[in-house]
Amino acid sequence: MDVNPCIVKAVFTFTPTSNIVIPPFSTKVTKTLMFRLLGREGPGRLLTQLFSAMRYKKILLSPVFAGRKPLIKLDGVGGSLQTLLMGRNYTFNVTVLDSASAVELVDALANLDGITLNVFNSSVRLSSLEIRAIRLVDLGLPPETEYISLCTLTPVLMQLQPVAKTPIRNILIPIPSLIVGSLMDHWNHNTHQDLVIKDAGLPYSSFFLLREVDYRISPVTVYYDEKRRPRGFIGRVLYHLAPTRKQKRRRNILRLLDYANYVGIGKSRTMGFGMVSVKPFKP
């Protein structure tokens, strides 16, 4: 485990050289482009993780975005396929969660500007790249934060912990204890021992500390592929972080919610589900 674990986020901009018909869930385009990029350097840990069944991967992909809109088809809304338009700029994000993966990613991105990559029987030209790095120890919403806005960027897939011989239960509302518990598990798996959150009561207490003030949430069914239609939710919720004498618990909640800006919430975050924007809010 890294002594100073960090997150590196790369934002790519690309332009199709012709119209390209793509799958209903556009992270498959991102995955193909990253396979092309990482494959230039030969087999590596990131390339292996792209196609592995690991629970906690060190690489997270986003869907393709047209402006602020993710290219994702919802079931029952239009046809199943989408089209990238020739000459239009699109973006996608790639996030890596440890130093070794970050070095591998940066090496693969050397001399990248203007490179052309093949994708779905056509090609795209990468026109710009933005890279940001932040240490986990520096994460956290401001300590004076009282109100917190959580907005979904892509559908969130949230489930209860699976139990043997019990059907999967999809949760279509943002329950604080599930959000914080999932983030804490993810954080503890990716951080240094000194930063591990050992407060087993944090998820439960967050249910009472994060109090909904306002919300606009809608359940959705995502057209992932020909067979899979996962259920999730999109929208916005405003929380009030209630006062508590346990200041360390408060700091941990603020840290985990800021962490969500980079790793998302819920299930299937590696493939771009659960992307969120979490910010302090002044009423």
Protein backbone atom coordinates (compact mmCIF):
# COMPACT_ATOMS: atom_id res chain seq x y z
CA MET A 1 0.00 0.00 0.00
CA ASP A 2 1.26 3.52 -0.85
CA VAL A 3 2.66 5.60 2.00
CA ASN A 4 0.98 8.67 0.46
CA PRO A 5 -1.96 7.25 -1.51
CA CYS A 6 -3.38 9.55 -4.13
CA ILE A 7 -6.06 9.86 -6.78
CA VAL A 8 -5.20 10.86 -10.34
CA LYS A 9 -8.02 11.96 -12.64
CA ALA A 10 -7.49 12.40 -16.39
CA VAL A 11 -10.07 14.23 -18.52
CA PHE A 12 -9.85 13.48 -22.24
CA THR A 13 -11.36 15.46 -25.12
CA PHE A 14 -11.79 13.78 -28.48
CA THR A 15 -13.39 14.41 -31.87
CA PRO A 16 -14.81 11.68 -34.15
CA THR A 17 -13.51 11.74 -37.72
CA SER A 18 -16.92 10.46 -38.92
CA ASN A 19 -20.32 9.70 -37.42
CA ILE A 20 -20.00 6.66 -35.13
CA VAL A 21 -22.88 4.48 -33.94
CA ILE A 22 -22.14 3.42 -30.37
CA PRO A 23 -23.78 1.16 -27.73
CA PRO A 24 -26.52 2.51 -25.43
CA PHE A 25 -24.08 2.78 -22.50
CA SER A 26 -21.11 4.77 -23.77
CA THR A 27 -18.55 3.68 -21.16
CA LYS A 28 -17.92 0.86 -23.63
CA VAL A 29 -16.42 3.52 -25.93
CA THR A 30 -14.23 4.78 -23.07
CA LYS A 31 -13.11 1.23 -22.31
CA THR A 32 -12.19 0.61 -25.96
CA LEU A 33 -10.19 3.84 -26.19
CA MET A 34 -8.32 3.09 -22.95
CA PHE A 35 -7.56 -0.42 -24.24
CA ARG A 36 -6.01 1.18 -27.33
CA LEU A 37 -4.03 3.71 -25.28
CA LEU A 38 -2.76 1.36 -22.59
CA GLY A 39 -2.05 -1.36 -25.14
CA ARG A 40 0.55 0.84 -26.82
CA GLU A 41 2.83 0.24 -23.82
CA GLY A 42 2.23 -3.52 -23.71
CA PRO A 43 0.39 -5.52 -21.01
CA GLY A 44 0.20 -3.81 -17.60
CA ARG A 45 -1.80 -3.83 -14.38
CA LEU A 46 -4.34 -1.25 -15.59
CA LEU A 47 -4.95 -3.10 -18.84
CA THR A 48 -5.44 -6.31 -16.89
CA GLN A 49 -7.88 -4.66 -14.48
CA LEU A 50 -10.02 -3.33 -17.33
CA PHE A 51 -11.13 -6.88 -18.08
CA SER A 52 -10.88 -8.49 -14.64
CA ALA A 53 -13.67 -9.29 -12.17
CA MET A 54 -11.92 -7.65 -9.19
CA ARG A 55 -14.23 -6.07 -6.62
CA TYR A 56 -12.06 -3.00 -6.04
CA LYS A 57 -10.26 -1.97 -9.20
CA LYS A 58 -7.65 0.77 -9.32
CA ILE A 59 -9.16 2.29 -12.47
CA LEU A 60 -12.57 3.93 -12.88
CA LEU A 61 -14.06 4.91 -16.24
CA SER A 62 -16.78 7.40 -17.07
CA PRO A 63 -19.27 7.37 -19.91
CA VAL A 64 -18.69 9.70 -22.83
CA PHE A 65 -20.09 13.19 -22.19
CA ALA A 66 -21.52 15.62 -24.73
CA GLY A 67 -21.07 18.82 -22.75
CA ARG A 68 -22.52 17.97 -19.32
CA LYS A 69 -24.78 15.21 -20.62
CA PRO A 70 -23.62 11.59 -20.26
CA LEU A 71 -24.37 9.47 -23.31
CA ILE A 72 -26.53 6.87 -21.59
CA LYS A 73 -29.80 5.42 -22.87
CA LEU A 74 -32.66 4.96 -20.44
CA ASP A 75 -35.06 2.13 -21.13
CA GLY A 76 -38.16 3.30 -22.96
CA VAL A 77 -36.59 6.59 -24.12
CA GLY A 78 -35.87 6.50 -27.87
CA GLY A 79 -33.94 3.73 -29.62
CA SER A 80 -31.16 1.61 -28.16
CA LEU A 81 -28.21 3.05 -30.12
CA GLN A 82 -26.51 6.45 -30.05
CA THR A 83 -24.37 8.37 -32.52
CA LEU A 84 -21.18 10.36 -32.01
CA LEU A 85 -21.25 13.19 -34.54
CA MET A 86 -18.30 13.93 -36.79
CA GLY A 87 -16.42 17.07 -35.77
CA ARG A 88 -18.08 17.45 -32.38
CA ASN A 89 -16.02 17.48 -29.18
CA TYR A 90 -16.74 14.85 -26.50
CA THR A 91 -15.08 14.10 -23.17
CA PHE A 92 -14.56 11.18 -20.81
CA ASN A 93 -12.77 10.73 -17.47
CA VAL A 94 -10.39 8.08 -16.21
CA THR A 95 -9.54 7.90 -12.50
CA VAL A 96 -6.77 5.77 -10.97
CA LEU A 97 -6.38 5.13 -7.26
CA ASP A 98 -2.75 4.38 -6.48
CA SER A 99 0.70 5.73 -7.35
CA ALA A 100 1.84 2.74 -9.42
CA SER A 101 -1.32 2.91 -11.53
CA ALA A 102 -0.91 6.68 -11.87
CA VAL A 103 2.64 6.28 -13.19
CA GLU A 104 1.46 3.65 -15.67
CA LEU A 105 -1.36 5.92 -16.84
CA VAL A 106 0.90 8.97 -17.24
CA ASP A 107 3.46 6.91 -19.20
CA ALA A 108 0.71 5.72 -21.54
CA LEU A 109 -0.43 9.31 -22.09
CA ALA A 110 2.97 10.68 -23.13
CA ASN A 111 2.90 12.55 -26.47
CA LEU A 112 -0.83 12.01 -26.72
CA ASP A 113 -2.03 15.29 -28.22
CA GLY A 114 -3.48 14.82 -31.71
CA ILE A 115 -3.19 11.02 -31.74
CA THR A 116 -5.85 9.08 -33.71
CA LEU A 117 -7.38 5.88 -32.31
CA ASN A 118 -9.66 3.33 -33.95
CA VAL A 119 -13.03 2.66 -32.35
CA PHE A 120 -16.19 0.94 -33.61
CA ASN A 121 -15.15 0.79 -37.28
CA SER A 122 -14.12 4.43 -37.32
CA SER A 123 -11.62 6.64 -35.53
CA VAL A 124 -11.38 9.58 -33.13
CA ARG A 125 -8.72 12.22 -32.65
CA LEU A 126 -7.67 13.08 -29.11
CA SER A 127 -7.35 16.85 -28.92
CA SER A 128 -6.62 17.64 -25.28
CA LEU A 129 -5.88 16.10 -21.91
CA GLU A 130 -6.21 17.46 -18.39
CA ILE A 131 -4.69 15.66 -15.39
CA ARG A 132 -5.35 16.37 -11.72
CA ALA A 133 -3.81 14.61 -8.72
CA ILE A 134 -4.84 14.82 -5.07
CA ARG A 135 -3.66 12.99 -1.97
CA LEU A 136 -6.28 11.11 0.05
CA VAL A 137 -5.08 12.85 3.19
CA ASP A 138 -6.08 16.20 1.64
CA LEU A 139 -9.67 15.18 0.87
CA GLY A 140 -12.62 16.57 2.79
CA LEU A 141 -15.38 19.13 2.43
CA PRO A 142 -14.73 22.34 4.43
CA PRO A 143 -15.04 21.73 8.20
CA GLU A 144 -17.64 24.50 8.57
CA THR A 145 -19.99 22.77 6.10
CA GLU A 146 -23.59 22.59 7.35
CA TYR A 147 -25.57 21.87 4.18
CA ILE A 148 -24.46 19.45 1.48
CA SER A 149 -25.75 19.17 -2.08
CA LEU A 150 -25.45 15.75 -3.76
CA CYS A 151 -26.25 15.72 -7.49
CA THR A 152 -26.03 12.60 -9.63
CA LEU A 153 -24.10 12.86 -12.91
CA THR A 154 -24.90 9.28 -13.96
CA PRO A 155 -27.52 6.83 -12.61
CA VAL A 156 -26.73 5.44 -9.17
CA LEU A 157 -27.12 1.69 -8.61
CA MET A 158 -27.59 1.01 -4.91
CA GLN A 159 -28.25 -2.35 -3.30
CA LEU A 160 -28.41 -3.88 0.15
CA GLN A 161 -25.59 -6.22 1.05
CA PRO A 162 -26.33 -9.55 -0.68
CA VAL A 163 -27.56 -12.41 1.48
CA ALA A 164 -27.39 -16.05 0.37
CA LYS A 165 -30.58 -17.29 -1.32
CA THR A 166 -32.11 -13.81 -1.15
CA PRO A 167 -33.05 -11.82 -4.28
CA ILE A 168 -31.07 -8.65 -5.01
CA ARG A 169 -32.88 -5.59 -3.62
CA ASN A 170 -32.37 -2.39 -5.61
CA ILE A 171 -32.65 0.80 -3.56
CA LEU A 172 -34.10 3.72 -5.52
CA ILE A 173 -33.46 6.50 -3.00
CA PRO A 174 -30.15 7.85 -1.61
CA ILE A 175 -30.04 6.41 1.92
CA PRO A 176 -27.13 8.03 3.88
CA SER A 177 -26.12 4.87 5.75
CA LEU A 178 -25.77 2.90 2.49
CA ILE A 179 -23.84 5.73 0.82
CA VAL A 180 -21.43 6.27 3.72
CA GLY A 181 -20.98 2.54 4.39
CA SER A 182 -20.11 1.85 0.76
CA LEU A 183 -17.71 4.79 0.63
CA MET A 184 -16.03 3.72 3.87
CA ASP A 185 -15.43 0.19 2.55
CA HIS A 186 -13.98 1.59 -0.67
CA TRP A 187 -11.84 4.14 1.20
CA ASN A 188 -10.43 1.58 3.63
CA HIS A 189 -9.47 -0.72 0.76
CA ASN A 190 -7.56 2.00 -1.08
CA THR A 191 -5.91 4.04 1.66
CA HIS A 192 -2.85 3.71 3.88
CA GLN A 193 -3.21 2.04 7.28
CA ASP A 194 -2.87 5.39 9.05
CA LEU A 195 -5.94 6.73 7.23
CA VAL A 196 -8.22 3.71 7.67
CA ILE A 197 -11.56 4.66 9.21
CA LYS A 198 -12.17 2.24 12.09
CA ASP A 199 -15.49 3.69 13.24
CA ALA A 200 -17.85 0.74 12.69
CA GLY A 201 -20.79 2.89 13.80
CA LEU A 202 -20.22 5.57 11.17
CA PRO A 203 -22.68 4.26 8.54
CA TYR A 204 -25.45 3.86 11.12
CA SER A 205 -24.87 7.28 12.69
CA SER A 206 -24.78 8.96 9.26
CA PHE A 207 -28.45 8.00 8.87
CA PHE A 208 -29.22 10.44 11.69
CA LEU A 209 -26.53 13.05 11.02
CA LEU A 210 -27.27 13.53 7.29
CA ARG A 211 -30.84 14.82 7.29
CA GLU A 212 -32.72 15.39 4.04
CA VAL A 213 -33.87 18.99 3.63
CA ASP A 214 -34.99 18.84 0.00
CA TYR A 215 -34.75 16.37 -2.86
CA ARG A 216 -35.76 15.66 -6.42
CA ILE A 217 -35.09 12.00 -7.14
CA SER A 218 -36.38 9.88 -10.03
CA PRO A 219 -36.07 6.09 -10.48
CA VAL A 220 -34.69 5.03 -13.87
CA THR A 221 -34.01 1.84 -15.80
CA VAL A 222 -30.73 1.95 -17.70
CA TYR A 223 -30.41 0.29 -21.12
CA TYR A 224 -26.98 -1.25 -20.53
CA ASP A 225 -27.01 -3.89 -23.27
CA GLU A 226 -29.37 -6.31 -25.01
CA LYS A 227 -30.00 -8.26 -21.79
CA ARG A 228 -29.23 -6.09 -18.78
CA ARG A 229 -31.51 -3.27 -17.55
CA PRO A 230 -30.24 -2.18 -14.12
CA ARG A 231 -32.53 -0.06 -11.94
CA GLY A 232 -31.19 3.04 -10.26
CA PHE A 233 -31.94 6.67 -9.53
CA ILE A 234 -30.94 10.14 -10.70
CA GLY A 235 -31.51 13.59 -9.24
CA ARG A 236 -30.46 15.83 -6.40
CA VAL A 237 -30.72 15.77 -2.63
CA LEU A 238 -29.87 18.47 -0.09
CA TYR A 239 -28.66 17.30 3.33
CA HIS A 240 -28.22 19.13 6.59
CA LEU A 241 -25.27 17.79 8.56
CA ALA A 242 -26.58 17.83 12.12
CA PRO A 243 -24.30 18.93 15.00
CA THR A 244 -22.52 16.22 16.94
CA ARG A 245 -20.05 16.14 19.81
CA LYS A 246 -18.07 13.47 17.95
CA GLN A 247 -16.04 15.77 15.72
CA LYS A 248 -13.90 12.96 14.30
CA ARG A 249 -17.07 11.27 13.06
CA ARG A 250 -18.14 14.53 11.43
CA ARG A 251 -14.74 14.93 9.75
CA ASN A 252 -14.90 11.38 8.42
CA ILE A 253 -18.32 11.99 6.87
CA LEU A 254 -17.04 15.16 5.17
CA ARG A 255 -13.96 13.30 3.93
CA LEU A 256 -15.95 10.40 2.51
CA LEU A 257 -18.44 12.69 0.77
CA ASP A 258 -15.57 14.54 -0.92
CA TYR A 259 -14.08 11.16 -1.86
CA ALA A 260 -17.36 10.44 -3.66
CA ASN A 261 -16.56 13.26 -6.10
CA TYR A 262 -13.75 11.06 -7.43
CA VAL A 263 -14.99 7.48 -7.03
CA GLY A 264 -18.79 7.85 -7.10
CA ILE A 265 -21.32 5.97 -4.98
CA GLY A 266 -23.17 2.66 -5.26
CA LYS A 267 -22.35 -0.30 -7.48
CA SER A 268 -20.59 -0.63 -10.87
CA ARG A 269 -18.60 2.57 -10.38
CA THR A 270 -15.77 1.13 -12.46
CA MET A 271 -18.05 1.36 -15.51
CA GLY A 272 -19.28 4.89 -14.83
CA PHE A 273 -22.41 4.37 -12.75
CA GLY A 274 -22.86 6.45 -9.60
CA MET A 275 -20.89 9.53 -10.63
CA VAL A 276 -21.87 12.42 -8.35
CA SER A 277 -21.08 16.03 -7.55
CA VAL A 278 -21.00 16.67 -3.79
CA LYS A 279 -20.55 20.27 -2.66
CA PRO A 280 -21.25 22.52 0.33
CA PHE A 281 -24.48 24.44 -0.07
CA LYS A 282 -25.39 27.82 1.36
CA PRO A 283 -29.18 28.22 1.81
